[in-house]
Amino acid sequence: MPIKTFEFSSVDGRRFVKPTDRWLNLRVDHNSTVTLISELGDRQASVDFRFTANYHASEAVVGLIQIEGNLLWEGDARALVKSWSAGGQMPPEVAQEIHTVIMSNCIPEAVILARELRLPPPVPIPQVNVPQQPAKPGKGRSPEIA
């Protein structure tokens, strides 16, 4: 894996409504953005990033979580910086790897921060469906009805 170091430089979270308010149609959007790529040597590049989770309800902006940081990528740094400087693009396999590392490190941090801010976690909560066992009729007994 060419990612050598990963660190946060700032973590910011805000709730814009009272925690007791109820929201209709709450939507949580999250994304990662690479803000700067700079060459540190022939084989290393510094990648600055920003992770954002926006909480929107139909009637108001509910909250915002923003995390910024830096990671050290190892590979053909000169080619990466050249493609980034030319058009703000990275090769797809490099972009996938960098954004996967950003999301896998920032989502858990955002979940903890959301708990402290009393916001829903910025990930979908899995629905648990327990299959119901078919009711077996009792032997010679019926339910009590009052």
N, C-alpha and C. Protein backbone atom coordinates (compact mmCIF):
# COMPACT_ATOMS: atom_id res chain seq x y z
N MET A 1 0.84 -1.18 0.00
CA MET A 1 0.00 0.00 0.00
C MET A 1 0.89 1.24 0.00
N PRO A 2 0.72 2.14 -0.95
CA PRO A 2 1.58 3.32 -1.05
C PRO A 2 1.27 4.44 -0.06
N ILE A 3 0.25 4.33 0.76
CA ILE A 3 -0.01 5.37 1.77
C ILE A 3 0.88 5.07 2.97
N LYS A 4 1.77 6.00 3.30
CA LYS A 4 2.73 5.77 4.38
C LYS A 4 2.33 6.41 5.69
N THR A 5 1.80 7.63 5.64
CA THR A 5 1.35 8.28 6.88
C THR A 5 0.00 8.93 6.63
N PHE A 6 -0.74 9.11 7.70
CA PHE A 6 -2.06 9.74 7.64
C PHE A 6 -2.24 10.52 8.93
N GLU A 7 -2.63 11.80 8.83
CA GLU A 7 -2.85 12.59 10.04
C GLU A 7 -3.94 13.63 9.82
N PHE A 8 -4.63 13.93 10.90
CA PHE A 8 -5.62 14.99 10.89
C PHE A 8 -4.95 16.30 11.28
N SER A 9 -5.35 17.38 10.63
CA SER A 9 -4.83 18.69 11.03
C SER A 9 -5.91 19.54 11.67
N SER A 10 -7.18 19.30 11.33
CA SER A 10 -8.27 20.02 12.01
C SER A 10 -9.53 19.18 11.97
N VAL A 11 -10.29 19.28 13.04
CA VAL A 11 -11.57 18.59 13.16
C VAL A 11 -12.57 19.62 13.66
N ASP A 12 -13.65 19.80 12.90
CA ASP A 12 -14.64 20.81 13.25
C ASP A 12 -16.03 20.21 13.13
N GLY A 13 -16.85 20.42 14.12
CA GLY A 13 -18.22 19.94 14.08
C GLY A 13 -19.16 20.97 14.65
N ARG A 14 -20.31 21.15 13.99
CA ARG A 14 -21.28 22.14 14.44
C ARG A 14 -22.69 21.59 14.29
N ARG A 15 -23.50 21.86 15.29
CA ARG A 15 -24.93 21.56 15.23
C ARG A 15 -25.62 22.91 15.22
N PHE A 16 -26.48 23.16 14.23
CA PHE A 16 -27.12 24.46 14.06
C PHE A 16 -28.53 24.53 14.62
N VAL A 17 -29.05 23.42 15.12
CA VAL A 17 -30.39 23.39 15.69
C VAL A 17 -30.32 22.79 17.09
N LYS A 18 -31.38 22.92 17.84
CA LYS A 18 -31.42 22.36 19.19
C LYS A 18 -31.48 20.83 19.10
N PRO A 19 -30.84 20.16 20.05
CA PRO A 19 -30.86 18.69 19.99
C PRO A 19 -32.25 18.10 20.19
N THR A 20 -33.16 18.86 20.77
CA THR A 20 -34.51 18.34 20.99
C THR A 20 -35.41 18.50 19.77
N ASP A 21 -34.97 19.28 18.78
CA ASP A 21 -35.77 19.46 17.57
C ASP A 21 -35.84 18.16 16.78
N ARG A 22 -36.95 17.95 16.13
CA ARG A 22 -37.11 16.79 15.26
C ARG A 22 -37.07 17.29 13.82
N TRP A 23 -36.44 16.49 12.96
CA TRP A 23 -36.27 16.92 11.58
C TRP A 23 -37.02 15.98 10.66
N LEU A 24 -37.58 16.54 9.60
CA LEU A 24 -38.22 15.73 8.58
C LEU A 24 -37.25 15.57 7.42
N ASN A 25 -37.19 14.39 6.87
CA ASN A 25 -36.36 14.09 5.70
C ASN A 25 -34.90 14.50 5.91
N LEU A 26 -34.32 14.05 6.99
CA LEU A 26 -32.91 14.34 7.27
C LEU A 26 -32.03 13.57 6.28
N ARG A 27 -31.13 14.29 5.66
CA ARG A 27 -30.21 13.70 4.69
C ARG A 27 -28.79 14.02 5.12
N VAL A 28 -27.93 13.01 5.08
CA VAL A 28 -26.53 13.20 5.42
C VAL A 28 -25.70 12.92 4.17
N ASP A 29 -25.02 13.95 3.69
CA ASP A 29 -24.14 13.82 2.53
C ASP A 29 -22.71 13.91 3.02
N HIS A 30 -21.85 12.99 2.58
CA HIS A 30 -20.45 13.10 2.94
C HIS A 30 -19.59 12.87 1.71
N ASN A 31 -18.46 13.58 1.68
CA ASN A 31 -17.53 13.42 0.57
C ASN A 31 -16.12 13.75 1.02
N SER A 32 -15.16 13.34 0.21
CA SER A 32 -13.77 13.68 0.46
C SER A 32 -13.25 14.44 -0.75
N THR A 33 -12.40 15.42 -0.48
CA THR A 33 -11.85 16.26 -1.53
C THR A 33 -10.35 16.38 -1.31
N VAL A 34 -9.59 16.18 -2.36
CA VAL A 34 -8.15 16.43 -2.30
C VAL A 34 -7.97 17.91 -2.62
N THR A 35 -7.32 18.64 -1.72
CA THR A 35 -7.17 20.08 -1.90
C THR A 35 -5.81 20.47 -2.48
N LEU A 36 -4.78 19.66 -2.24
CA LEU A 36 -3.45 19.99 -2.73
C LEU A 36 -2.59 18.74 -2.78
N ILE A 37 -1.80 18.61 -3.84
CA ILE A 37 -0.81 17.55 -3.94
C ILE A 37 0.52 18.21 -4.23
N SER A 38 1.51 17.96 -3.40
CA SER A 38 2.84 18.53 -3.62
C SER A 38 3.89 17.44 -3.55
N GLU A 39 4.90 17.59 -4.36
CA GLU A 39 5.97 16.60 -4.47
C GLU A 39 6.99 16.80 -3.35
N LEU A 40 7.32 15.73 -2.65
CA LEU A 40 8.34 15.78 -1.61
C LEU A 40 9.65 15.15 -2.08
N GLY A 41 9.60 14.40 -3.13
CA GLY A 41 10.75 13.72 -3.71
C GLY A 41 10.28 12.96 -4.93
N ASP A 42 11.17 12.21 -5.56
CA ASP A 42 10.77 11.45 -6.75
C ASP A 42 9.72 10.40 -6.43
N ARG A 43 9.73 9.86 -5.23
CA ARG A 43 8.85 8.75 -4.87
C ARG A 43 7.82 9.09 -3.81
N GLN A 44 7.74 10.34 -3.34
CA GLN A 44 6.78 10.70 -2.29
C GLN A 44 6.06 11.99 -2.62
N ALA A 45 4.76 11.99 -2.34
CA ALA A 45 3.94 13.18 -2.53
C ALA A 45 3.10 13.41 -1.28
N SER A 46 2.93 14.66 -0.93
CA SER A 46 2.08 15.05 0.19
C SER A 46 0.70 15.39 -0.37
N VAL A 47 -0.34 14.80 0.20
CA VAL A 47 -1.71 15.00 -0.27
C VAL A 47 -2.53 15.61 0.87
N ASP A 48 -3.00 16.84 0.68
CA ASP A 48 -3.89 17.48 1.64
C ASP A 48 -5.32 17.17 1.25
N PHE A 49 -6.18 16.94 2.24
CA PHE A 49 -7.56 16.56 1.95
C PHE A 49 -8.53 17.24 2.91
N ARG A 50 -9.81 17.18 2.53
CA ARG A 50 -10.90 17.66 3.38
C ARG A 50 -12.06 16.66 3.27
N PHE A 51 -12.55 16.21 4.42
CA PHE A 51 -13.73 15.34 4.50
C PHE A 51 -14.86 16.19 5.07
N THR A 52 -16.03 16.10 4.46
CA THR A 52 -17.18 16.89 4.92
C THR A 52 -18.41 16.01 5.03
N ALA A 53 -19.14 16.15 6.12
CA ALA A 53 -20.45 15.52 6.29
C ALA A 53 -21.44 16.64 6.55
N ASN A 54 -22.41 16.80 5.64
CA ASN A 54 -23.44 17.83 5.75
C ASN A 54 -24.75 17.19 6.16
N TYR A 55 -25.40 17.77 7.14
CA TYR A 55 -26.71 17.31 7.61
C TYR A 55 -27.76 18.31 7.16
N HIS A 56 -28.66 17.88 6.27
CA HIS A 56 -29.71 18.75 5.75
C HIS A 56 -31.07 18.11 6.03
N ALA A 57 -31.99 18.92 6.54
CA ALA A 57 -33.38 18.51 6.67
C ALA A 57 -34.18 19.34 5.67
N SER A 58 -35.42 18.99 5.49
CA SER A 58 -36.22 19.72 4.51
C SER A 58 -36.41 21.18 4.90
N GLU A 59 -36.35 21.47 6.20
CA GLU A 59 -36.61 22.85 6.64
C GLU A 59 -35.37 23.62 7.10
N ALA A 60 -34.23 22.96 7.28
CA ALA A 60 -33.06 23.68 7.80
C ALA A 60 -31.78 22.88 7.59
N VAL A 61 -30.67 23.59 7.72
CA VAL A 61 -29.37 22.93 7.79
C VAL A 61 -29.19 22.52 9.25
N VAL A 62 -28.96 21.25 9.49
CA VAL A 62 -28.93 20.72 10.85
C VAL A 62 -27.53 20.73 11.44
N GLY A 63 -26.52 20.34 10.65
CA GLY A 63 -25.17 20.29 11.18
C GLY A 63 -24.13 20.12 10.10
N LEU A 64 -22.87 20.21 10.53
CA LEU A 64 -21.74 20.08 9.62
C LEU A 64 -20.56 19.50 10.38
N ILE A 65 -19.91 18.52 9.79
CA ILE A 65 -18.67 17.96 10.32
C ILE A 65 -17.63 18.10 9.22
N GLN A 66 -16.49 18.70 9.56
CA GLN A 66 -15.43 18.88 8.58
C GLN A 66 -14.10 18.46 9.19
N ILE A 67 -13.38 17.62 8.47
CA ILE A 67 -12.08 17.12 8.92
C ILE A 67 -11.07 17.40 7.81
N GLU A 68 -9.95 17.99 8.19
CA GLU A 68 -8.87 18.24 7.24
C GLU A 68 -7.63 17.50 7.69
N GLY A 69 -6.79 17.14 6.74
CA GLY A 69 -5.58 16.41 7.10
C GLY A 69 -4.64 16.26 5.94
N ASN A 70 -3.67 15.39 6.15
CA ASN A 70 -2.61 15.18 5.19
C ASN A 70 -2.22 13.71 5.20
N LEU A 71 -1.85 13.21 4.04
CA LEU A 71 -1.31 11.87 3.97
C LEU A 71 -0.08 11.87 3.06
N LEU A 72 0.78 10.90 3.27
CA LEU A 72 2.00 10.76 2.48
C LEU A 72 1.81 9.58 1.55
N TRP A 73 1.85 9.85 0.25
CA TRP A 73 1.66 8.83 -0.77
C TRP A 73 3.00 8.49 -1.39
N GLU A 74 3.25 7.21 -1.58
CA GLU A 74 4.49 6.76 -2.19
C GLU A 74 4.20 6.14 -3.54
N GLY A 75 4.96 6.57 -4.53
CA GLY A 75 4.79 6.09 -5.90
C GLY A 75 5.48 7.06 -6.83
N ASP A 76 4.99 7.16 -8.06
CA ASP A 76 5.56 8.09 -9.03
C ASP A 76 5.02 9.48 -8.73
N ALA A 77 5.64 10.16 -7.78
CA ALA A 77 5.16 11.45 -7.29
C ALA A 77 5.21 12.52 -8.37
N ARG A 78 6.24 12.50 -9.17
CA ARG A 78 6.37 13.54 -10.22
C ARG A 78 5.19 13.47 -11.19
N ALA A 79 4.82 12.26 -11.62
CA ALA A 79 3.69 12.10 -12.55
C ALA A 79 2.38 12.47 -11.88
N LEU A 80 2.21 12.13 -10.61
CA LEU A 80 0.99 12.47 -9.89
C LEU A 80 0.83 13.98 -9.76
N VAL A 81 1.89 14.66 -9.38
CA VAL A 81 1.83 16.12 -9.23
C VAL A 81 1.60 16.79 -10.58
N LYS A 82 2.22 16.26 -11.62
CA LYS A 82 2.06 16.83 -12.96
C LYS A 82 0.61 16.71 -13.43
N SER A 83 -0.01 15.54 -13.24
CA SER A 83 -1.41 15.37 -13.66
C SER A 83 -2.35 16.18 -12.80
N TRP A 84 -2.03 16.33 -11.52
CA TRP A 84 -2.86 17.13 -10.62
C TRP A 84 -2.76 18.61 -10.99
N SER A 85 -1.56 19.09 -11.27
CA SER A 85 -1.36 20.50 -11.61
C SER A 85 -1.99 20.85 -12.95
N ALA A 86 -1.97 19.91 -13.88
CA ALA A 86 -2.50 20.18 -15.22
C ALA A 86 -4.02 20.34 -15.22
N GLY A 87 -4.72 19.54 -14.47
CA GLY A 87 -6.19 19.62 -14.54
C GLY A 87 -6.91 19.24 -13.28
N GLY A 88 -6.21 19.12 -12.17
CA GLY A 88 -6.87 18.75 -10.92
C GLY A 88 -7.35 17.31 -10.91
N GLN A 89 -6.74 16.46 -11.72
CA GLN A 89 -7.14 15.05 -11.80
C GLN A 89 -5.99 14.16 -11.38
N MET A 90 -6.36 12.98 -10.88
CA MET A 90 -5.39 11.94 -10.54
C MET A 90 -5.71 10.72 -11.38
N PRO A 91 -4.74 9.83 -11.60
CA PRO A 91 -5.08 8.56 -12.24
C PRO A 91 -6.16 7.84 -11.41
N PRO A 92 -7.11 7.18 -12.07
CA PRO A 92 -8.24 6.57 -11.34
C PRO A 92 -7.82 5.61 -10.22
N GLU A 93 -6.80 4.79 -10.45
CA GLU A 93 -6.41 3.83 -9.41
C GLU A 93 -5.79 4.54 -8.20
N VAL A 94 -5.07 5.63 -8.44
CA VAL A 94 -4.50 6.40 -7.33
C VAL A 94 -5.60 7.14 -6.60
N ALA A 95 -6.54 7.74 -7.34
CA ALA A 95 -7.65 8.46 -6.72
C ALA A 95 -8.50 7.52 -5.87
N GLN A 96 -8.76 6.33 -6.37
CA GLN A 96 -9.55 5.37 -5.61
C GLN A 96 -8.85 4.99 -4.31
N GLU A 97 -7.57 4.76 -4.38
CA GLU A 97 -6.82 4.38 -3.19
C GLU A 97 -6.79 5.52 -2.17
N ILE A 98 -6.51 6.73 -2.62
CA ILE A 98 -6.42 7.88 -1.71
C ILE A 98 -7.76 8.17 -1.07
N HIS A 99 -8.84 8.20 -1.86
CA HIS A 99 -10.16 8.50 -1.29
C HIS A 99 -10.66 7.38 -0.38
N THR A 100 -10.30 6.13 -0.67
CA THR A 100 -10.68 5.03 0.21
C THR A 100 -10.01 5.18 1.57
N VAL A 101 -8.74 5.53 1.58
CA VAL A 101 -8.02 5.73 2.85
C VAL A 101 -8.61 6.91 3.62
N ILE A 102 -8.92 7.99 2.91
CA ILE A 102 -9.50 9.17 3.57
C ILE A 102 -10.83 8.79 4.22
N MET A 103 -11.71 8.15 3.46
CA MET A 103 -13.03 7.80 3.99
C MET A 103 -12.92 6.79 5.13
N SER A 104 -12.06 5.80 5.00
CA SER A 104 -11.97 4.78 6.04
C SER A 104 -11.38 5.32 7.33
N ASN A 105 -10.64 6.41 7.28
CA ASN A 105 -10.11 7.03 8.50
C ASN A 105 -11.03 8.12 9.04
N CYS A 106 -11.71 8.83 8.16
CA CYS A 106 -12.53 9.96 8.61
C CYS A 106 -13.93 9.56 9.08
N ILE A 107 -14.51 8.54 8.48
CA ILE A 107 -15.88 8.13 8.89
C ILE A 107 -15.92 7.75 10.37
N PRO A 108 -15.02 6.92 10.90
CA PRO A 108 -15.09 6.61 12.33
C PRO A 108 -14.92 7.86 13.21
N GLU A 109 -14.05 8.76 12.82
CA GLU A 109 -13.87 10.00 13.58
C GLU A 109 -15.14 10.85 13.54
N ALA A 110 -15.78 10.89 12.37
CA ALA A 110 -17.02 11.65 12.23
C ALA A 110 -18.16 11.03 13.03
N VAL A 111 -18.18 9.72 13.14
CA VAL A 111 -19.22 9.04 13.94
C VAL A 111 -19.08 9.44 15.42
N ILE A 112 -17.85 9.46 15.92
CA ILE A 112 -17.62 9.85 17.32
C ILE A 112 -18.00 11.31 17.53
N LEU A 113 -17.61 12.17 16.61
CA LEU A 113 -17.95 13.59 16.73
C LEU A 113 -19.46 13.80 16.64
N ALA A 114 -20.13 13.07 15.77
CA ALA A 114 -21.59 13.18 15.64
C ALA A 114 -22.27 12.77 16.95
N ARG A 115 -21.75 11.76 17.60
CA ARG A 115 -22.32 11.35 18.89
C ARG A 115 -22.19 12.47 19.91
N GLU A 116 -21.04 13.13 19.96
CA GLU A 116 -20.84 14.23 20.91
C GLU A 116 -21.74 15.41 20.59
N LEU A 117 -22.03 15.64 19.32
CA LEU A 117 -22.88 16.75 18.91
C LEU A 117 -24.37 16.39 18.93
N ARG A 118 -24.66 15.14 19.25
CA ARG A 118 -26.02 14.62 19.26
C ARG A 118 -26.66 14.74 17.88
N LEU A 119 -25.88 14.32 16.88
CA LEU A 119 -26.34 14.21 15.50
C LEU A 119 -26.34 12.74 15.12
N PRO A 120 -27.13 12.34 14.15
CA PRO A 120 -27.09 10.95 13.70
C PRO A 120 -25.71 10.62 13.10
N PRO A 121 -25.29 9.38 13.16
CA PRO A 121 -23.99 9.03 12.57
C PRO A 121 -24.03 9.25 11.06
N PRO A 122 -22.91 9.67 10.47
CA PRO A 122 -22.91 9.95 9.04
C PRO A 122 -22.75 8.71 8.17
N VAL A 123 -23.29 7.61 8.62
CA VAL A 123 -23.30 6.38 7.84
C VAL A 123 -24.70 5.80 7.97
N PRO A 124 -25.15 5.07 6.97
CA PRO A 124 -26.47 4.45 7.13
C PRO A 124 -26.44 3.38 8.20
N ILE A 125 -27.40 3.43 9.08
CA ILE A 125 -27.51 2.43 10.13
C ILE A 125 -28.20 1.20 9.52
N PRO A 126 -27.57 0.04 9.62
CA PRO A 126 -28.17 -1.14 9.00
C PRO A 126 -29.49 -1.51 9.67
N GLN A 127 -30.41 -1.94 8.85
CA GLN A 127 -31.70 -2.40 9.35
C GLN A 127 -31.58 -3.87 9.72
N VAL A 128 -32.01 -4.20 10.91
CA VAL A 128 -31.95 -5.58 11.38
C VAL A 128 -33.33 -6.19 11.21
N ASN A 129 -33.40 -7.26 10.46
CA ASN A 129 -34.65 -7.98 10.26
C ASN A 129 -34.49 -9.38 10.82
N VAL A 130 -35.21 -9.66 11.88
CA VAL A 130 -35.19 -10.99 12.48
C VAL A 130 -36.39 -11.74 11.94
N PRO A 131 -36.15 -12.86 11.27
CA PRO A 131 -37.29 -13.59 10.73
C PRO A 131 -38.16 -14.13 11.86
N GLN A 132 -39.45 -14.00 11.67
CA GLN A 132 -40.41 -14.49 12.66
C GLN A 132 -40.61 -15.99 12.48
N GLN A 133 -40.60 -16.70 13.58
CA GLN A 133 -40.89 -18.12 13.54
C GLN A 133 -42.40 -18.28 13.46
N PRO A 134 -42.86 -19.19 12.63
CA PRO A 134 -44.31 -19.40 12.57
C PRO A 134 -44.82 -19.88 13.93
N ALA A 135 -45.92 -19.31 14.35
CA ALA A 135 -46.49 -19.66 15.64
C ALA A 135 -47.04 -21.08 15.59
N LYS A 136 -46.65 -21.87 16.57
CA LYS A 136 -47.14 -23.24 16.64
C LYS A 136 -48.40 -23.23 17.51
N PRO A 137 -49.42 -23.84 17.05
CA PRO A 137 -50.64 -23.88 17.86
C PRO A 137 -50.40 -24.70 19.13
N GLY A 138 -50.92 -24.20 20.24
CA GLY A 138 -50.78 -24.91 21.51
C GLY A 138 -51.60 -26.18 21.53
N LYS A 139 -51.23 -27.12 22.33
CA LYS A 139 -51.93 -28.39 22.41
C LYS A 139 -53.09 -28.24 23.40
N GLY A 140 -54.27 -28.09 22.86
CA GLY A 140 -55.46 -28.06 23.68
C GLY A 140 -55.62 -26.78 24.50
N ARG A 141 -54.80 -25.79 24.27
CA ARG A 141 -54.94 -24.54 25.02
C ARG A 141 -55.23 -23.42 24.05
N SER A 142 -55.94 -22.46 24.54
CA SER A 142 -56.21 -21.29 23.73
C SER A 142 -55.78 -20.07 24.53
N PRO A 143 -55.53 -18.95 23.84
CA PRO A 143 -55.10 -17.77 24.57
C PRO A 143 -56.22 -17.24 25.47
N GLU A 144 -55.82 -16.65 26.55
CA GLU A 144 -56.79 -16.09 27.48
C GLU A 144 -57.27 -14.76 26.93
N ILE A 145 -58.55 -14.59 26.90
CA ILE A 145 -59.13 -13.35 26.41
C ILE A 145 -59.94 -12.74 27.54
N ALA A 146 -59.67 -11.47 27.82
CA ALA A 146 -60.40 -10.83 28.91
C ALA A 146 -61.45 -9.91 28.40
